[in-house]
Amino acid sequence: MMLSEDKISHLSHVLLGQLYDLDLLELDEDREGEIRREIKRTIVAELRVGEEIDELARRKLLSLSKKLVEGSAEWEVVYKKYFREEEIKRGRASG
């Protein structure tokens, strides 16, 4: 699920504020816009990867000989398994 540009922008402001508040980043007003853009780019990239993984997991589910009903308990279990496998392949989660 993609977030709107406004929500991504809001998240970038919140994250940047937290980085400053936790003294993980020094305040450099000249680079603030650049840092916010990088945060936004990273959020969008991560959302895209999540969407790709979702699509792969759904394709695997559709390829099963036993057709599962989306939303059923069994479908959810298998979907989560396939999603997790794809995350591990991409280094997004530990095995």
PDB file of N, CA and C in Angstrom:
ATOM      1  N   MET A   1       0.849  -1.172   0.000  1.00  0.00           N
ATOM      2  CA  MET A   1       0.000   0.000   0.000  1.00  0.00           C
ATOM      3  C   MET A   1       0.898   1.239   0.000  1.00  0.00           C
ATOM      4  N   MET A   2       0.739   2.028  -1.024  1.00  0.00           N
ATOM      5  CA  MET A   2       1.532   3.259  -1.109  1.00  0.00           C
ATOM      6  C   MET A   2       0.919   4.334  -0.215  1.00  0.00           C
ATOM      7  N   LEU A   3       1.767   5.164   0.318  1.00  0.00           N
ATOM      8  CA  LEU A   3       1.322   6.302   1.101  1.00  0.00           C
ATOM      9  C   LEU A   3       1.253   7.513   0.193  1.00  0.00           C
ATOM     10  N   SER A   4       0.407   8.447   0.540  1.00  0.00           N
ATOM     11  CA  SER A   4       0.322   9.676  -0.244  1.00  0.00           C
ATOM     12  C   SER A   4       1.608  10.482  -0.067  1.00  0.00           C
ATOM     13  N   GLU A   5       1.840  11.389  -1.000  1.00  0.00           N
ATOM     14  CA  GLU A   5       3.012  12.273  -0.930  1.00  0.00           C
ATOM     15  C   GLU A   5       2.996  13.064   0.376  1.00  0.00           C
ATOM     16  N   ASP A   6       1.797  13.517   0.780  1.00  0.00           N
ATOM     17  CA  ASP A   6       1.679  14.279   2.031  1.00  0.00           C
ATOM     18  C   ASP A   6       2.093  13.443   3.247  1.00  0.00           C
ATOM     19  N   LYS A   7       1.673  12.175   3.272  1.00  0.00           N
ATOM     20  CA  LYS A   7       2.020  11.323   4.413  1.00  0.00           C
ATOM     21  C   LYS A   7       3.514  11.020   4.443  1.00  0.00           C
ATOM     22  N   ILE A   8       4.081  10.792   3.266  1.00  0.00           N
ATOM     23  CA  ILE A   8       5.514  10.538   3.207  1.00  0.00           C
ATOM     24  C   ILE A   8       6.285  11.777   3.645  1.00  0.00           C
ATOM     25  N   SER A   9       5.840  12.938   3.212  1.00  0.00           N
ATOM     26  CA  SER A   9       6.478  14.184   3.613  1.00  0.00           C
ATOM     27  C   SER A   9       6.383  14.369   5.125  1.00  0.00           C
ATOM     28  N   HIS A  10       5.200  14.100   5.674  1.00  0.00           N
ATOM     29  CA  HIS A  10       5.018  14.220   7.125  1.00  0.00           C
ATOM     30  C   HIS A  10       5.963  13.270   7.862  1.00  0.00           C
ATOM     31  N   LEU A  11       6.049  12.017   7.383  1.00  0.00           N
ATOM     32  CA  LEU A  11       6.950  11.053   8.010  1.00  0.00           C
ATOM     33  C   LEU A  11       8.402  11.532   7.959  1.00  0.00           C
ATOM     34  N   SER A  12       8.795  12.122   6.842  1.00  0.00           N
ATOM     35  CA  SER A  12      10.176  12.593   6.727  1.00  0.00           C
ATOM     36  C   SER A  12      10.453  13.705   7.738  1.00  0.00           C
ATOM     37  N   HIS A  13       9.473  14.596   7.948  1.00  0.00           N
ATOM     38  CA  HIS A  13       9.639  15.662   8.942  1.00  0.00           C
ATOM     39  C   HIS A  13       9.731  15.075  10.352  1.00  0.00           C
ATOM     40  N   VAL A  14       8.867  14.104  10.651  1.00  0.00           N
ATOM     41  CA  VAL A  14       8.870  13.476  11.977  1.00  0.00           C
ATOM     42  C   VAL A  14      10.194  12.761  12.220  1.00  0.00           C
ATOM     43  N   LEU A  15      10.629  11.968  11.237  1.00  0.00           N
ATOM     44  CA  LEU A  15      11.890  11.239  11.397  1.00  0.00           C
ATOM     45  C   LEU A  15      13.076  12.175  11.550  1.00  0.00           C
ATOM     46  N   LEU A  16      13.114  13.205  10.739  1.00  0.00           N
ATOM     47  CA  LEU A  16      14.212  14.165  10.839  1.00  0.00           C
ATOM     48  C   LEU A  16      14.207  14.848  12.206  1.00  0.00           C
ATOM     49  N   GLY A  17      13.032  15.215  12.681  1.00  0.00           N
ATOM     50  CA  GLY A  17      12.917  15.817  14.006  1.00  0.00           C
ATOM     51  C   GLY A  17      13.409  14.888  15.096  1.00  0.00           C
ATOM     52  N   GLN A  18      13.070  13.614  14.988  1.00  0.00           N
ATOM     53  CA  GLN A  18      13.515  12.640  15.986  1.00  0.00           C
ATOM     54  C   GLN A  18      15.028  12.447  15.940  1.00  0.00           C
ATOM     55  N   LEU A  19      15.588  12.431  14.738  1.00  0.00           N
ATOM     56  CA  LEU A  19      17.040  12.304  14.619  1.00  0.00           C
ATOM     57  C   LEU A  19      17.743  13.472  15.306  1.00  0.00           C
ATOM     58  N   TYR A  20      17.207  14.668  15.137  1.00  0.00           N
ATOM     59  CA  TYR A  20      17.771  15.842  15.807  1.00  0.00           C
ATOM     60  C   TYR A  20      17.574  15.753  17.315  1.00  0.00           C
ATOM     61  N   ASP A  21      16.335  15.409  17.730  1.00  0.00           N
ATOM     62  CA  ASP A  21      16.019  15.348  19.161  1.00  0.00           C
ATOM     63  C   ASP A  21      16.872  14.324  19.905  1.00  0.00           C
ATOM     64  N   LEU A  22      17.186  13.225  19.243  1.00  0.00           N
ATOM     65  CA  LEU A  22      17.986  12.170  19.870  1.00  0.00           C
ATOM     66  C   LEU A  22      19.491  12.387  19.677  1.00  0.00           C
ATOM     67  N   ASP A  23      19.835  13.548  19.149  1.00  0.00           N
ATOM     68  CA  ASP A  23      21.237  13.891  18.893  1.00  0.00           C
ATOM     69  C   ASP A  23      21.943  12.865  18.003  1.00  0.00           C
ATOM     70  N   LEU A  24      21.189  12.306  17.073  1.00  0.00           N
ATOM     71  CA  LEU A  24      21.779  11.372  16.115  1.00  0.00           C
ATOM     72  C   LEU A  24      22.207  12.098  14.844  1.00  0.00           C
ATOM     73  N   LEU A  25      21.821  13.363  14.765  1.00  0.00           N
ATOM     74  CA  LEU A  25      22.136  14.177  13.605  1.00  0.00           C
ATOM     75  C   LEU A  25      22.301  15.610  14.075  1.00  0.00           C
ATOM     76  N   GLU A  26      23.333  16.249  13.602  1.00  0.00           N
ATOM     77  CA  GLU A  26      23.536  17.650  13.963  1.00  0.00           C
ATOM     78  C   GLU A  26      22.676  18.529  13.065  1.00  0.00           C
ATOM     79  N   LEU A  27      22.131  19.575  13.643  1.00  0.00           N
ATOM     80  CA  LEU A  27      21.285  20.490  12.887  1.00  0.00           C
ATOM     81  C   LEU A  27      22.125  21.249  11.871  1.00  0.00           C
ATOM     82  N   ASP A  28      21.805  21.055  10.628  1.00  0.00           N
ATOM     83  CA  ASP A  28      22.475  21.738   9.527  1.00  0.00           C
ATOM     84  C   ASP A  28      21.369  22.201   8.580  1.00  0.00           C
ATOM     85  N   GLU A  29      20.881  23.405   8.805  1.00  0.00           N
ATOM     86  CA  GLU A  29      19.746  23.912   8.049  1.00  0.00           C
ATOM     87  C   GLU A  29      20.007  23.951   6.551  1.00  0.00           C
ATOM     88  N   ASP A  30      21.283  24.085   6.149  1.00  0.00           N
ATOM     89  CA  ASP A  30      21.616  24.106   4.734  1.00  0.00           C
ATOM     90  C   ASP A  30      21.345  22.763   4.062  1.00  0.00           C
ATOM     91  N   ARG A  31      21.432  21.682   4.833  1.00  0.00           N
ATOM     92  CA  ARG A  31      21.255  20.336   4.275  1.00  0.00           C
ATOM     93  C   ARG A  31      19.937  19.703   4.674  1.00  0.00           C
ATOM     94  N   GLU A  32      19.105  20.420   5.426  1.00  0.00           N
ATOM     95  CA  GLU A  32      17.861  19.834   5.915  1.00  0.00           C
ATOM     96  C   GLU A  32      16.978  19.311   4.776  1.00  0.00           C
ATOM     97  N   GLY A  33      16.819  20.085   3.729  1.00  0.00           N
ATOM     98  CA  GLY A  33      16.002  19.663   2.590  1.00  0.00           C
ATOM     99  C   GLY A  33      16.562  18.426   1.915  1.00  0.00           C
ATOM    100  N   GLU A  34      17.875  18.390   1.781  1.00  0.00           N
ATOM    101  CA  GLU A  34      18.544  17.235   1.166  1.00  0.00           C
ATOM    102  C   GLU A  34      18.324  15.973   2.006  1.00  0.00           C
ATOM    103  N   ILE A  35      18.439  16.115   3.313  1.00  0.00           N
ATOM    104  CA  ILE A  35      18.252  14.973   4.212  1.00  0.00           C
ATOM    105  C   ILE A  35      16.805  14.495   4.165  1.00  0.00           C
ATOM    106  N   ARG A  36      15.860  15.434   4.166  1.00  0.00           N
ATOM    107  CA  ARG A  36      14.447  15.075   4.094  1.00  0.00           C
ATOM    108  C   ARG A  36      14.132  14.353   2.783  1.00  0.00           C
ATOM    109  N   ARG A  37      14.715  14.825   1.681  1.00  0.00           N
ATOM    110  CA  ARG A  37      14.497  14.164   0.387  1.00  0.00           C
ATOM    111  C   ARG A  37      15.036  12.733   0.401  1.00  0.00           C
ATOM    112  N   GLU A  38      16.177  12.537   1.041  1.00  0.00           N
ATOM    113  CA  GLU A  38      16.754  11.189   1.125  1.00  0.00           C
ATOM    114  C   GLU A  38      15.874  10.280   1.979  1.00  0.00           C
ATOM    115  N   ILE A  39      15.335  10.809   3.059  1.00  0.00           N
ATOM    116  CA  ILE A  39      14.417  10.035   3.896  1.00  0.00           C
ATOM    117  C   ILE A  39      13.196   9.642   3.071  1.00  0.00           C
ATOM    118  N   LYS A  40      12.639  10.599   2.331  1.00  0.00           N
ATOM    119  CA  LYS A  40      11.462  10.315   1.497  1.00  0.00           C
ATOM    120  C   LYS A  40      11.786   9.269   0.433  1.00  0.00           C
ATOM    121  N   ARG A  41      12.956   9.404  -0.200  1.00  0.00           N
ATOM    122  CA  ARG A  41      13.354   8.438  -1.233  1.00  0.00           C
ATOM    123  C   ARG A  41      13.455   7.031  -0.640  1.00  0.00           C
ATOM    124  N   THR A  42      14.001   6.931   0.567  1.00  0.00           N
ATOM    125  CA  THR A  42      14.155   5.643   1.230  1.00  0.00           C
ATOM    126  C   THR A  42      12.797   5.040   1.593  1.00  0.00           C
ATOM    127  N   ILE A  43      11.888   5.857   2.082  1.00  0.00           N
ATOM    128  CA  ILE A  43      10.544   5.369   2.415  1.00  0.00           C
ATOM    129  C   ILE A  43       9.867   4.826   1.167  1.00  0.00           C
ATOM    130  N   VAL A  44       9.910   5.583   0.079  1.00  0.00           N
ATOM    131  CA  VAL A  44       9.271   5.155  -1.170  1.00  0.00           C
ATOM    132  C   VAL A  44       9.895   3.856  -1.678  1.00  0.00           C
ATOM    133  N   ALA A  45      11.216   3.756  -1.622  1.00  0.00           N
ATOM    134  CA  ALA A  45      11.908   2.543  -2.080  1.00  0.00           C
ATOM    135  C   ALA A  45      11.491   1.330  -1.248  1.00  0.00           C
ATOM    136  N   GLU A  46      11.405   1.506   0.058  1.00  0.00           N
ATOM    137  CA  GLU A  46      10.996   0.398   0.931  1.00  0.00           C
ATOM    138  C   GLU A  46       9.546  -0.012   0.673  1.00  0.00           C
ATOM    139  N   LEU A  47       8.684   0.954   0.428  1.00  0.00           N
ATOM    140  CA  LEU A  47       7.290   0.632   0.109  1.00  0.00           C
ATOM    141  C   LEU A  47       7.203  -0.150  -1.198  1.00  0.00           C
ATOM    142  N   ARG A  48       8.006   0.226  -2.178  1.00  0.00           N
ATOM    143  CA  ARG A  48       8.015  -0.488  -3.466  1.00  0.00           C
ATOM    144  C   ARG A  48       8.472  -1.926  -3.283  1.00  0.00           C
ATOM    145  N   VAL A  49       9.500  -2.124  -2.487  1.00  0.00           N
ATOM    146  CA  VAL A  49       9.978  -3.482  -2.236  1.00  0.00           C
ATOM    147  C   VAL A  49       8.877  -4.294  -1.561  1.00  0.00           C
ATOM    148  N   GLY A  50       8.194  -3.696  -0.604  1.00  0.00           N
ATOM    149  CA  GLY A  50       7.083  -4.380   0.065  1.00  0.00           C
ATOM    150  C   GLY A  50       5.985  -4.766  -0.908  1.00  0.00           C
ATOM    151  N   GLU A  51       5.694  -3.887  -1.857  1.00  0.00           N
ATOM    152  CA  GLU A  51       4.678  -4.188  -2.866  1.00  0.00           C
ATOM    153  C   GLU A  51       5.130  -5.316  -3.788  1.00  0.00           C
ATOM    154  N   GLU A  52       6.413  -5.320  -4.154  1.00  0.00           N
ATOM    155  CA  GLU A  52       6.946  -6.390  -4.999  1.00  0.00           C
ATOM    156  C   GLU A  52       6.865  -7.734  -4.277  1.00  0.00           C
ATOM    157  N   ILE A  53       7.205  -7.740  -3.011  1.00  0.00           N
ATOM    158  CA  ILE A  53       7.153  -8.970  -2.221  1.00  0.00           C
ATOM    159  C   ILE A  53       5.710  -9.446  -2.107  1.00  0.00           C
ATOM    160  N   ASP A  54       4.798  -8.533  -1.874  1.00  0.00           N
ATOM    161  CA  ASP A  54       3.384  -8.881  -1.802  1.00  0.00           C
ATOM    162  C   ASP A  54       2.928  -9.533  -3.101  1.00  0.00           C
ATOM    163  N   GLU A  55       3.315  -8.944  -4.228  1.00  0.00           N
ATOM    164  CA  GLU A  55       2.922  -9.483  -5.532  1.00  0.00           C
ATOM    165  C   GLU A  55       3.484 -10.892  -5.735  1.00  0.00           C
ATOM    166  N   LEU A  56       4.747 -11.104  -5.374  1.00  0.00           N
ATOM    167  CA  LEU A  56       5.350 -12.430  -5.511  1.00  0.00           C
ATOM    168  C   LEU A  56       4.650 -13.458  -4.625  1.00  0.00           C
ATOM    169  N   ALA A  57       4.346 -13.079  -3.398  1.00  0.00           N
ATOM    170  CA  ALA A  57       3.666 -14.001  -2.479  1.00  0.00           C
ATOM    171  C   ALA A  57       2.288 -14.365  -3.022  1.00  0.00           C
ATOM    172  N   ARG A  58       1.572 -13.384  -3.561  1.00  0.00           N
ATOM    173  CA  ARG A  58       0.244 -13.657  -4.124  1.00  0.00           C
ATOM    174  C   ARG A  58       0.333 -14.551  -5.357  1.00  0.00           C
ATOM    175  N   ARG A  59       1.345 -14.328  -6.188  1.00  0.00           N
ATOM    176  CA  ARG A  59       1.526 -15.195  -7.370  1.00  0.00           C
ATOM    177  C   ARG A  59       1.793 -16.636  -6.958  1.00  0.00           C
ATOM    178  N   LYS A  60       2.598 -16.812  -5.928  1.00  0.00           N
ATOM    179  CA  LYS A  60       2.877 -18.164  -5.439  1.00  0.00           C
ATOM    180  C   LYS A  60       1.593 -18.816  -4.949  1.00  0.00           C
ATOM    181  N   LEU A  61       0.772 -18.041  -4.251  1.00  0.00           N
ATOM    182  CA  LEU A  61      -0.500 -18.580  -3.760  1.00  0.00           C
ATOM    183  C   LEU A  61      -1.400 -19.004  -4.918  1.00  0.00           C
ATOM    184  N   LEU A  62      -1.430 -18.200  -5.966  1.00  0.00           N
ATOM    185  CA  LEU A  62      -2.268 -18.522  -7.128  1.00  0.00           C
ATOM    186  C   LEU A  62      -1.761 -19.752  -7.874  1.00  0.00           C
ATOM    187  N   SER A  63      -0.473 -20.042  -7.757  1.00  0.00           N
ATOM    188  CA  SER A  63       0.101 -21.178  -8.488  1.00  0.00           C
ATOM    189  C   SER A  63      -0.106 -22.513  -7.770  1.00  0.00           C
ATOM    190  N   LEU A  64      -0.596 -22.480  -6.550  1.00  0.00           N
ATOM    191  CA  LEU A  64      -0.810 -23.720  -5.805  1.00  0.00           C
ATOM    192  C   LEU A  64      -1.917 -24.543  -6.462  1.00  0.00           C
ATOM    193  N   SER A  65      -1.759 -25.867  -6.432  1.00  0.00           N
ATOM    194  CA  SER A  65      -2.801 -26.722  -7.002  1.00  0.00           C
ATOM    195  C   SER A  65      -4.078 -26.647  -6.161  1.00  0.00           C
ATOM    196  N   LYS A  66      -3.921 -26.509  -4.854  1.00  0.00           N
ATOM    197  CA  LYS A  66      -5.080 -26.333  -3.971  1.00  0.00           C
ATOM    198  C   LYS A  66      -5.349 -24.834  -3.882  1.00  0.00           C
ATOM    199  N   LYS A  67      -6.457 -24.409  -4.419  1.00  0.00           N
ATOM    200  CA  LYS A  67      -6.799 -22.989  -4.422  1.00  0.00           C
ATOM    201  C   LYS A  67      -7.313 -22.580  -3.037  1.00  0.00           C
ATOM    202  N   LEU A  68      -6.660 -21.576  -2.474  1.00  0.00           N
ATOM    203  CA  LEU A  68      -7.036 -21.074  -1.153  1.00  0.00           C
ATOM    204  C   LEU A  68      -7.872 -19.806  -1.325  1.00  0.00           C
ATOM    205  N   VAL A  69      -8.829 -19.631  -0.436  1.00  0.00           N
ATOM    206  CA  VAL A  69      -9.686 -18.447  -0.474  1.00  0.00           C
ATOM    207  C   VAL A  69      -8.978 -17.308   0.246  1.00  0.00           C
ATOM    208  N   GLU A  70      -8.771 -16.196  -0.494  1.00  0.00           N
ATOM    209  CA  GLU A  70      -8.101 -15.049   0.107  1.00  0.00           C
ATOM    210  C   GLU A  70      -8.876 -14.585   1.337  1.00  0.00           C
ATOM    211  N   GLY A  71      -8.129 -14.368   2.402  1.00  0.00           N
ATOM    212  CA  GLY A  71      -8.734 -13.929   3.651  1.00  0.00           C
ATOM    213  C   GLY A  71      -8.992 -15.066   4.626  1.00  0.00           C
ATOM    214  N   SER A  72      -8.974 -16.306   4.120  1.00  0.00           N
ATOM    215  CA  SER A  72      -9.184 -17.444   5.017  1.00  0.00           C
ATOM    216  C   SER A  72      -7.950 -17.604   5.906  1.00  0.00           C
ATOM    217  N   ALA A  73      -8.113 -18.313   6.996  1.00  0.00           N
ATOM    218  CA  ALA A  73      -7.000 -18.525   7.927  1.00  0.00           C
ATOM    219  C   ALA A  73      -5.843 -19.230   7.231  1.00  0.00           C
ATOM    220  N   GLU A  74      -6.148 -20.240   6.424  1.00  0.00           N
ATOM    221  CA  GLU A  74      -5.098 -20.975   5.723  1.00  0.00           C
ATOM    222  C   GLU A  74      -4.372 -20.069   4.727  1.00  0.00           C
ATOM    223  N   TRP A  75      -5.132 -19.243   3.981  1.00  0.00           N
ATOM    224  CA  TRP A  75      -4.534 -18.319   3.023  1.00  0.00           C
ATOM    225  C   TRP A  75      -3.585 -17.371   3.750  1.00  0.00           C
ATOM    226  N   GLU A  76      -4.012 -16.832   4.880  1.00  0.00           N
ATOM    227  CA  GLU A  76      -3.188 -15.892   5.649  1.00  0.00           C
ATOM    228  C   GLU A  76      -1.876 -16.527   6.100  1.00  0.00           C
ATOM    229  N   VAL A  77      -1.950 -17.778   6.578  1.00  0.00           N
ATOM    230  CA  VAL A  77      -0.754 -18.468   7.049  1.00  0.00           C
ATOM    231  C   VAL A  77       0.233 -18.667   5.897  1.00  0.00           C
ATOM    232  N   VAL A  78      -0.270 -19.144   4.766  1.00  0.00           N
ATOM    233  CA  VAL A  78       0.601 -19.412   3.618  1.00  0.00           C
ATOM    234  C   VAL A  78       1.143 -18.098   3.054  1.00  0.00           C
ATOM    235  N   TYR A  79       0.292 -17.066   2.977  1.00  0.00           N
ATOM    236  CA  TYR A  79       0.729 -15.762   2.487  1.00  0.00           C
ATOM    237  C   TYR A  79       1.871 -15.233   3.350  1.00  0.00           C
ATOM    238  N   LYS A  80       1.710 -15.268   4.657  1.00  0.00           N
ATOM    239  CA  LYS A  80       2.755 -14.777   5.565  1.00  0.00           C
ATOM    240  C   LYS A  80       4.046 -15.571   5.399  1.00  0.00           C
ATOM    241  N   LYS A  81       3.916 -16.882   5.182  1.00  0.00           N
ATOM    242  CA  LYS A  81       5.093 -17.726   4.979  1.00  0.00           C
ATOM    243  C   LYS A  81       5.828 -17.287   3.710  1.00  0.00           C
ATOM    244  N   TYR A  82       5.110 -17.150   2.614  1.00  0.00           N
ATOM    245  CA  TYR A  82       5.730 -16.745   1.348  1.00  0.00           C
ATOM    246  C   TYR A  82       6.299 -15.331   1.435  1.00  0.00           C
ATOM    247  N   PHE A  83       5.567 -14.433   2.082  1.00  0.00           N
ATOM    248  CA  PHE A  83       6.034 -13.055   2.234  1.00  0.00           C
ATOM    249  C   PHE A  83       7.352 -13.048   3.014  1.00  0.00           C
ATOM    250  N   ARG A  84       7.390 -13.792   4.093  1.00  0.00           N
ATOM    251  CA  ARG A  84       8.590 -13.861   4.946  1.00  0.00           C
ATOM    252  C   ARG A  84       9.778 -14.436   4.165  1.00  0.00           C
ATOM    253  N   GLU A  85       9.515 -15.492   3.377  1.00  0.00           N
ATOM    254  CA  GLU A  85      10.579 -16.090   2.569  1.00  0.00           C
ATOM    255  C   GLU A  85      11.182 -15.058   1.615  1.00  0.00           C
ATOM    256  N   GLU A  86      10.342 -14.259   0.976  1.00  0.00           N
ATOM    257  CA  GLU A  86      10.814 -13.242   0.050  1.00  0.00           C
ATOM    258  C   GLU A  86      11.583 -12.137   0.779  1.00  0.00           C
ATOM    259  N   GLU A  87      11.120 -11.780   1.979  1.00  0.00           N
ATOM    260  CA  GLU A  87      11.848 -10.775   2.768  1.00  0.00           C
ATOM    261  C   GLU A  87      13.255 -11.285   3.093  1.00  0.00           C
ATOM    262  N   ILE A  88      13.360 -12.526   3.472  1.00  0.00           N
ATOM    263  CA  ILE A  88      14.651 -13.118   3.819  1.00  0.00           C
ATOM    264  C   ILE A  88      15.556 -13.144   2.588  1.00  0.00           C
ATOM    265  N   LYS A  89      15.007 -13.518   1.430  1.00  0.00           N
ATOM    266  CA  LYS A  89      15.797 -13.538   0.192  1.00  0.00           C
ATOM    267  C   LYS A  89      16.387 -12.164  -0.119  1.00  0.00           C
ATOM    268  N   ARG A  90      15.648 -11.127   0.214  1.00  0.00           N
ATOM    269  CA  ARG A  90      16.079  -9.763  -0.082  1.00  0.00           C
ATOM    270  C   ARG A  90      16.850  -9.117   1.060  1.00  0.00           C
ATOM    271  N   GLY A  91      17.076  -9.876   2.117  1.00  0.00           N
ATOM    272  CA  GLY A  91      17.846  -9.348   3.240  1.00  0.00           C
ATOM    273  C   GLY A  91      17.079  -8.369   4.105  1.00  0.00           C
ATOM    274  N   ARG A  92      15.748  -8.402   4.031  1.00  0.00           N
ATOM    275  CA  ARG A  92      14.924  -7.496   4.836  1.00  0.00           C
ATOM    276  C   ARG A  92      14.583  -8.066   6.191  1.00  0.00           C
ATOM    277  N   ALA A  93      14.813  -9.346   6.375  1.00  0.00           N
ATOM    278  CA  ALA A  93      14.501 -10.000   7.649  1.00  0.00           C
ATOM    279  C   ALA A  93      15.495 -11.122   7.852  1.00  0.00           C
ATOM    280  N   SER A  94      15.700 -11.495   9.084  1.00  0.00           N
ATOM    281  CA  SER A  94      16.633 -12.585   9.354  1.00  0.00           C
ATOM    282  C   SER A  94      15.881 -13.916   9.311  1.00  0.00           C
ATOM    283  N   GLY A  95      16.591 -14.925   8.931  1.00  0.00           N
ATOM    284  CA  GLY A  95      15.998 -16.252   8.776  1.00  0.00           C
ATOM    285  C   GLY A  95      15.941 -16.997  10.002  1.00  0.00           C
TER     286      GLY A  95
END
